[in-house]
């Protein structure tokens, strides 16, 4: 905080963490909004690896509780790590996107241009 930026090492990569990033994060602590306090009114799918070394999967459960939408699902990958970068995780992501898309197609049949 004193120098304005700090480099952190994660794997083989170094990332700069700036003072402004920390300050912005402190102003946007969305998990403190409480149950339904995060006004999102669309379908939400949260995918999280249970073997994530960086963020505990319970954070996804807390986040789901904060989202006001009634259509929120938390999908946990037992062996999934922070990056969710194996083929099974990619398949879960594709399925989540397809589910939201499929379940939210709406047609206005009173309009000739609706398809």
N, C-alpha and C. Protein backbone atom coordinates (compact mmCIF):
# COMPACT_ATOMS: atom_id res chain seq x y z
N UNK A 1 0.83 -1.19 0.00
CA UNK A 1 0.00 0.00 0.00
C UNK A 1 0.88 1.25 0.00
N UNK A 2 2.03 1.19 0.64
CA UNK A 2 2.90 2.36 0.72
C UNK A 2 3.54 2.70 -0.62
N UNK A 3 3.89 1.66 -1.40
CA UNK A 3 4.58 1.89 -2.68
C UNK A 3 3.64 2.06 -3.86
N UNK A 4 2.36 1.79 -3.69
CA UNK A 4 1.40 1.94 -4.78
C UNK A 4 1.20 0.70 -5.62
N UNK A 5 2.17 -0.22 -5.60
CA UNK A 5 2.03 -1.47 -6.36
C UNK A 5 2.92 -2.53 -5.71
N UNK A 6 2.43 -3.76 -5.78
CA UNK A 6 3.20 -4.89 -5.23
C UNK A 6 3.08 -6.04 -6.22
N UNK A 7 4.18 -6.67 -6.53
CA UNK A 7 4.20 -7.81 -7.43
C UNK A 7 3.98 -9.09 -6.63
N UNK A 8 3.02 -9.90 -7.06
CA UNK A 8 2.85 -11.20 -6.43
C UNK A 8 3.17 -12.28 -7.46
N UNK A 9 3.72 -13.36 -7.00
CA UNK A 9 4.09 -14.47 -7.85
C UNK A 9 3.02 -15.55 -7.76
N UNK A 10 2.51 -15.99 -8.91
CA UNK A 10 1.56 -17.09 -8.94
C UNK A 10 2.01 -18.04 -10.03
N UNK A 11 2.52 -19.18 -9.65
CA UNK A 11 3.10 -20.09 -10.62
C UNK A 11 4.34 -19.45 -11.22
N UNK A 12 4.39 -19.42 -12.55
CA UNK A 12 5.53 -18.84 -13.26
C UNK A 12 5.31 -17.38 -13.63
N UNK A 13 4.20 -16.81 -13.20
CA UNK A 13 3.84 -15.46 -13.63
C UNK A 13 3.81 -14.51 -12.44
N UNK A 14 4.27 -13.30 -12.69
CA UNK A 14 4.23 -12.25 -11.68
C UNK A 14 3.11 -11.28 -12.04
N UNK A 15 2.28 -10.92 -11.07
CA UNK A 15 1.15 -10.02 -11.29
C UNK A 15 1.28 -8.77 -10.42
N UNK A 16 1.09 -7.60 -11.03
CA UNK A 16 1.11 -6.37 -10.22
C UNK A 16 -0.23 -6.17 -9.52
N UNK A 17 -0.20 -5.94 -8.24
CA UNK A 17 -1.40 -5.62 -7.48
C UNK A 17 -1.25 -4.16 -7.04
N UNK A 18 -2.11 -3.33 -7.59
CA UNK A 18 -1.97 -1.90 -7.32
C UNK A 18 -2.78 -1.47 -6.10
N UNK A 19 -2.38 -0.37 -5.56
CA UNK A 19 -3.10 0.23 -4.43
C UNK A 19 -4.54 0.54 -4.83
N UNK A 20 -4.73 1.06 -6.05
CA UNK A 20 -6.08 1.40 -6.50
C UNK A 20 -6.95 0.15 -6.64
N UNK A 21 -6.36 -0.98 -7.01
CA UNK A 21 -7.12 -2.23 -7.08
C UNK A 21 -7.61 -2.64 -5.70
N UNK A 22 -6.76 -2.55 -4.71
CA UNK A 22 -7.14 -2.88 -3.33
C UNK A 22 -8.22 -1.93 -2.83
N UNK A 23 -8.05 -0.64 -3.09
CA UNK A 23 -9.03 0.35 -2.64
C UNK A 23 -10.38 0.13 -3.32
N UNK A 24 -10.36 -0.17 -4.63
CA UNK A 24 -11.60 -0.45 -5.36
C UNK A 24 -12.28 -1.69 -4.79
N UNK A 25 -11.50 -2.70 -4.50
CA UNK A 25 -12.05 -3.93 -3.92
C UNK A 25 -12.73 -3.68 -2.58
N UNK A 26 -12.14 -2.83 -1.79
CA UNK A 26 -12.72 -2.51 -0.49
C UNK A 26 -14.06 -1.78 -0.63
N UNK A 27 -14.22 -1.04 -1.72
CA UNK A 27 -15.47 -0.30 -1.95
C UNK A 27 -16.56 -1.18 -2.55
N UNK A 28 -16.21 -2.36 -3.03
CA UNK A 28 -17.16 -3.22 -3.74
C UNK A 28 -17.21 -4.61 -3.14
N UNK A 29 -17.36 -4.70 -1.86
CA UNK A 29 -17.41 -5.98 -1.16
C UNK A 29 -18.82 -6.56 -1.29
N UNK A 30 -19.09 -7.17 -2.45
CA UNK A 30 -20.46 -7.58 -2.76
C UNK A 30 -21.01 -8.65 -1.84
N UNK A 31 -20.15 -9.45 -1.24
CA UNK A 31 -20.66 -10.49 -0.34
C UNK A 31 -21.22 -9.90 0.95
N UNK A 32 -20.90 -8.67 1.23
CA UNK A 32 -21.43 -8.02 2.43
C UNK A 32 -22.83 -7.45 2.22
N UNK A 33 -23.33 -7.52 0.99
CA UNK A 33 -24.67 -7.00 0.70
C UNK A 33 -25.76 -7.87 1.32
N UNK A 34 -25.43 -9.10 1.66
CA UNK A 34 -26.38 -9.99 2.31
C UNK A 34 -27.34 -10.64 1.34
N UNK A 35 -28.21 -11.44 1.88
CA UNK A 35 -29.16 -12.24 1.10
C UNK A 35 -29.98 -11.35 0.17
N UNK A 36 -29.87 -11.62 -1.14
CA UNK A 36 -30.62 -10.88 -2.15
C UNK A 36 -30.16 -9.46 -2.37
N UNK A 37 -29.06 -9.06 -1.74
CA UNK A 37 -28.59 -7.68 -1.84
C UNK A 37 -27.92 -7.32 -3.14
N UNK A 38 -27.55 -8.31 -3.93
CA UNK A 38 -26.93 -8.06 -5.23
C UNK A 38 -28.02 -8.14 -6.29
N UNK A 39 -28.47 -7.01 -6.78
CA UNK A 39 -29.63 -6.93 -7.65
C UNK A 39 -29.30 -7.39 -9.07
N UNK A 40 -29.34 -8.68 -9.26
CA UNK A 40 -29.16 -9.29 -10.57
C UNK A 40 -30.43 -10.07 -10.83
N UNK A 41 -31.10 -9.72 -11.93
CA UNK A 41 -32.41 -10.32 -12.20
C UNK A 41 -32.41 -11.09 -13.51
N UNK A 42 -31.41 -11.92 -13.68
CA UNK A 42 -31.33 -12.79 -14.85
C UNK A 42 -30.79 -14.14 -14.37
N UNK A 43 -30.87 -15.16 -15.20
CA UNK A 43 -30.32 -16.46 -14.80
C UNK A 43 -28.81 -16.35 -14.56
N UNK A 44 -28.34 -17.04 -13.53
CA UNK A 44 -26.92 -17.02 -13.18
C UNK A 44 -26.47 -18.46 -12.94
N UNK A 45 -25.33 -18.81 -13.53
CA UNK A 45 -24.71 -20.11 -13.28
C UNK A 45 -23.31 -19.85 -12.77
N UNK A 46 -23.03 -20.31 -11.57
CA UNK A 46 -21.72 -20.16 -10.96
C UNK A 46 -21.02 -21.50 -10.98
N UNK A 47 -19.89 -21.59 -11.64
CA UNK A 47 -19.11 -22.82 -11.69
C UNK A 47 -17.87 -22.64 -10.83
N UNK A 48 -17.60 -23.62 -9.98
CA UNK A 48 -16.47 -23.48 -9.08
C UNK A 48 -15.83 -24.84 -8.83
N UNK A 49 -14.52 -24.87 -8.80
CA UNK A 49 -13.80 -26.09 -8.50
C UNK A 49 -13.66 -26.29 -7.01
N UNK A 50 -13.96 -27.48 -6.55
CA UNK A 50 -13.84 -27.78 -5.12
C UNK A 50 -12.39 -27.95 -4.69
N UNK A 51 -11.48 -28.09 -5.66
CA UNK A 51 -10.05 -28.19 -5.36
C UNK A 51 -9.33 -26.88 -5.67
N UNK A 52 -10.09 -25.79 -5.72
CA UNK A 52 -9.52 -24.46 -5.97
C UNK A 52 -8.64 -24.07 -4.78
N UNK A 53 -7.37 -23.81 -5.03
CA UNK A 53 -6.43 -23.44 -3.98
C UNK A 53 -6.49 -21.95 -3.67
N UNK A 54 -7.12 -21.17 -4.53
CA UNK A 54 -7.12 -19.71 -4.39
C UNK A 54 -8.39 -19.19 -3.72
N UNK A 55 -9.54 -19.71 -4.13
CA UNK A 55 -10.83 -19.23 -3.62
C UNK A 55 -11.64 -20.44 -3.17
N UNK A 56 -12.03 -20.50 -1.90
CA UNK A 56 -12.81 -21.65 -1.45
C UNK A 56 -14.16 -21.72 -2.15
N UNK A 57 -14.61 -22.93 -2.47
CA UNK A 57 -15.86 -23.08 -3.21
C UNK A 57 -17.05 -22.54 -2.41
N UNK A 58 -16.93 -22.44 -1.11
CA UNK A 58 -18.02 -21.88 -0.30
C UNK A 58 -18.32 -20.43 -0.69
N UNK A 59 -17.33 -19.76 -1.29
CA UNK A 59 -17.55 -18.38 -1.75
C UNK A 59 -18.63 -18.35 -2.82
N UNK A 60 -18.69 -19.35 -3.69
CA UNK A 60 -19.74 -19.41 -4.71
C UNK A 60 -21.11 -19.56 -4.06
N UNK A 61 -21.18 -20.32 -2.99
CA UNK A 61 -22.46 -20.49 -2.28
C UNK A 61 -22.90 -19.17 -1.64
N UNK A 62 -21.95 -18.45 -1.05
CA UNK A 62 -22.26 -17.15 -0.46
C UNK A 62 -22.71 -16.16 -1.53
N UNK A 63 -22.02 -16.18 -2.66
CA UNK A 63 -22.37 -15.28 -3.76
C UNK A 63 -23.77 -15.60 -4.28
N UNK A 64 -24.09 -16.87 -4.44
CA UNK A 64 -25.43 -17.27 -4.90
C UNK A 64 -26.50 -16.73 -3.97
N UNK A 65 -26.24 -16.75 -2.68
CA UNK A 65 -27.20 -16.26 -1.69
C UNK A 65 -27.40 -14.74 -1.82
N UNK A 66 -26.37 -14.03 -2.22
CA UNK A 66 -26.46 -12.57 -2.37
C UNK A 66 -27.22 -12.15 -3.62
N UNK A 67 -27.26 -13.00 -4.64
CA UNK A 67 -27.89 -12.64 -5.92
C UNK A 67 -29.41 -12.71 -5.76
N UNK A 68 -30.10 -11.66 -6.21
CA UNK A 68 -31.55 -11.57 -6.02
C UNK A 68 -32.34 -12.46 -6.98
N UNK A 69 -31.78 -12.83 -8.11
CA UNK A 69 -32.49 -13.66 -9.08
C UNK A 69 -32.90 -14.99 -8.45
N UNK A 70 -34.11 -15.47 -8.73
CA UNK A 70 -34.50 -16.78 -8.23
C UNK A 70 -33.86 -17.92 -9.03
N UNK A 71 -33.30 -17.61 -10.21
CA UNK A 71 -32.72 -18.62 -11.08
C UNK A 71 -31.20 -18.58 -10.98
N UNK A 72 -30.68 -19.14 -9.88
CA UNK A 72 -29.24 -19.19 -9.65
C UNK A 72 -28.86 -20.64 -9.35
N UNK A 73 -27.85 -21.13 -10.04
CA UNK A 73 -27.34 -22.48 -9.78
C UNK A 73 -25.85 -22.40 -9.50
N UNK A 74 -25.41 -23.19 -8.53
CA UNK A 74 -23.98 -23.35 -8.26
C UNK A 74 -23.61 -24.74 -8.72
N UNK A 75 -22.64 -24.81 -9.60
CA UNK A 75 -22.19 -26.08 -10.15
C UNK A 75 -20.76 -26.30 -9.67
N UNK A 76 -20.58 -27.35 -8.87
CA UNK A 76 -19.28 -27.64 -8.29
C UNK A 76 -18.60 -28.78 -9.03
N UNK A 77 -17.33 -28.60 -9.29
CA UNK A 77 -16.51 -29.62 -9.93
C UNK A 77 -15.58 -30.18 -8.86
N UNK A 78 -15.80 -31.44 -8.47
CA UNK A 78 -15.07 -32.02 -7.35
C UNK A 78 -13.56 -31.90 -7.50
N UNK A 79 -13.04 -32.20 -8.65
CA UNK A 79 -11.59 -32.12 -8.86
C UNK A 79 -11.14 -30.82 -9.49
N UNK A 80 -12.08 -29.93 -9.74
CA UNK A 80 -11.76 -28.69 -10.43
C UNK A 80 -10.85 -27.78 -9.61
N UNK A 81 -9.85 -27.24 -10.28
CA UNK A 81 -8.92 -26.32 -9.64
C UNK A 81 -9.32 -24.89 -10.01
N UNK A 82 -8.50 -23.93 -9.66
CA UNK A 82 -8.85 -22.52 -9.84
C UNK A 82 -9.15 -22.16 -11.30
N UNK A 83 -8.40 -22.70 -12.23
CA UNK A 83 -8.57 -22.34 -13.64
C UNK A 83 -9.74 -23.05 -14.32
N UNK A 84 -10.26 -24.12 -13.74
CA UNK A 84 -11.29 -24.93 -14.40
C UNK A 84 -10.91 -25.15 -15.87
N UNK A 85 -9.75 -25.76 -16.08
CA UNK A 85 -9.20 -25.83 -17.42
C UNK A 85 -9.09 -27.23 -18.01
N UNK A 86 -9.83 -28.20 -17.45
CA UNK A 86 -9.81 -29.50 -18.11
C UNK A 86 -11.09 -29.67 -18.94
N UNK A 87 -11.12 -30.68 -19.76
CA UNK A 87 -12.21 -30.85 -20.72
C UNK A 87 -13.57 -31.00 -20.03
N UNK A 88 -13.61 -31.69 -18.90
CA UNK A 88 -14.88 -31.84 -18.18
C UNK A 88 -15.41 -30.48 -17.69
N UNK A 89 -14.50 -29.62 -17.24
CA UNK A 89 -14.92 -28.29 -16.81
C UNK A 89 -15.41 -27.46 -17.99
N UNK A 90 -14.74 -27.57 -19.13
CA UNK A 90 -15.21 -26.85 -20.33
C UNK A 90 -16.61 -27.33 -20.72
N UNK A 91 -16.83 -28.62 -20.60
CA UNK A 91 -18.15 -29.17 -20.92
C UNK A 91 -19.21 -28.62 -19.96
N UNK A 92 -18.89 -28.53 -18.69
CA UNK A 92 -19.83 -27.94 -17.71
C UNK A 92 -20.16 -26.49 -18.08
N UNK A 93 -19.14 -25.75 -18.50
CA UNK A 93 -19.35 -24.36 -18.90
C UNK A 93 -20.27 -24.27 -20.12
N UNK A 94 -20.00 -25.11 -21.12
CA UNK A 94 -20.85 -25.11 -22.32
C UNK A 94 -22.29 -25.47 -21.95
N UNK A 95 -22.45 -26.46 -21.10
CA UNK A 95 -23.80 -26.87 -20.69
C UNK A 95 -24.52 -25.76 -19.94
N UNK A 96 -23.80 -25.04 -19.10
CA UNK A 96 -24.42 -23.95 -18.34
C UNK A 96 -24.89 -22.84 -19.27
N UNK A 97 -24.06 -22.49 -20.25
CA UNK A 97 -24.44 -21.45 -21.21
C UNK A 97 -25.63 -21.91 -22.04
N UNK A 98 -25.59 -23.15 -22.51
CA UNK A 98 -26.71 -23.68 -23.30
C UNK A 98 -28.00 -23.73 -22.48
N UNK A 99 -27.91 -24.10 -21.21
CA UNK A 99 -29.10 -24.17 -20.36
C UNK A 99 -29.75 -22.79 -20.21
N UNK A 100 -28.94 -21.80 -19.93
CA UNK A 100 -29.49 -20.45 -19.78
C UNK A 100 -30.09 -19.98 -21.10
N UNK A 101 -29.41 -20.23 -22.18
CA UNK A 101 -29.91 -19.82 -23.50
C UNK A 101 -31.22 -20.54 -23.82
N UNK A 102 -31.25 -21.86 -23.67
CA UNK A 102 -32.42 -22.67 -23.99
C UNK A 102 -33.62 -22.30 -23.14
N UNK A 103 -33.41 -22.08 -21.86
CA UNK A 103 -34.51 -21.81 -20.95
C UNK A 103 -35.02 -20.38 -21.01
N UNK A 104 -34.34 -19.53 -21.73
CA UNK A 104 -34.75 -18.13 -21.75
C UNK A 104 -35.05 -17.61 -23.14
N UNK A 105 -35.27 -18.52 -24.07
CA UNK A 105 -35.74 -18.09 -25.38
C UNK A 105 -37.19 -17.68 -25.26
N UNK A 106 -37.50 -16.50 -25.68
CA UNK A 106 -38.88 -16.05 -25.62
C UNK A 106 -39.28 -15.57 -27.00
N UNK A 107 -40.44 -15.97 -27.39
CA UNK A 107 -41.00 -15.55 -28.66
C UNK A 107 -42.28 -14.80 -28.43
N UNK A 108 -42.40 -13.67 -29.06
CA UNK A 108 -43.63 -12.90 -29.02
C UNK A 108 -44.42 -13.29 -30.27
N UNK A 109 -45.34 -14.23 -30.12
CA UNK A 109 -46.06 -14.74 -31.28
C UNK A 109 -47.10 -13.77 -31.81
N UNK A 110 -47.28 -12.62 -31.13
CA UNK A 110 -48.22 -11.62 -31.64
C UNK A 110 -47.55 -10.73 -32.67
N UNK A 111 -46.25 -10.83 -32.81
CA UNK A 111 -45.51 -9.99 -33.76
C UNK A 111 -45.02 -10.81 -34.92
N UNK A 112 -45.31 -10.36 -36.16
CA UNK A 112 -44.84 -11.12 -37.35
C UNK A 112 -43.32 -11.22 -37.43
N UNK A 113 -42.62 -10.30 -36.82
CA UNK A 113 -41.15 -10.29 -36.90
C UNK A 113 -40.50 -11.13 -35.82
N UNK A 114 -41.29 -11.81 -35.01
CA UNK A 114 -40.73 -12.53 -33.87
C UNK A 114 -40.05 -13.84 -34.25
N UNK A 115 -40.18 -14.27 -35.47
CA UNK A 115 -39.51 -15.51 -35.86
C UNK A 115 -40.47 -16.62 -35.95
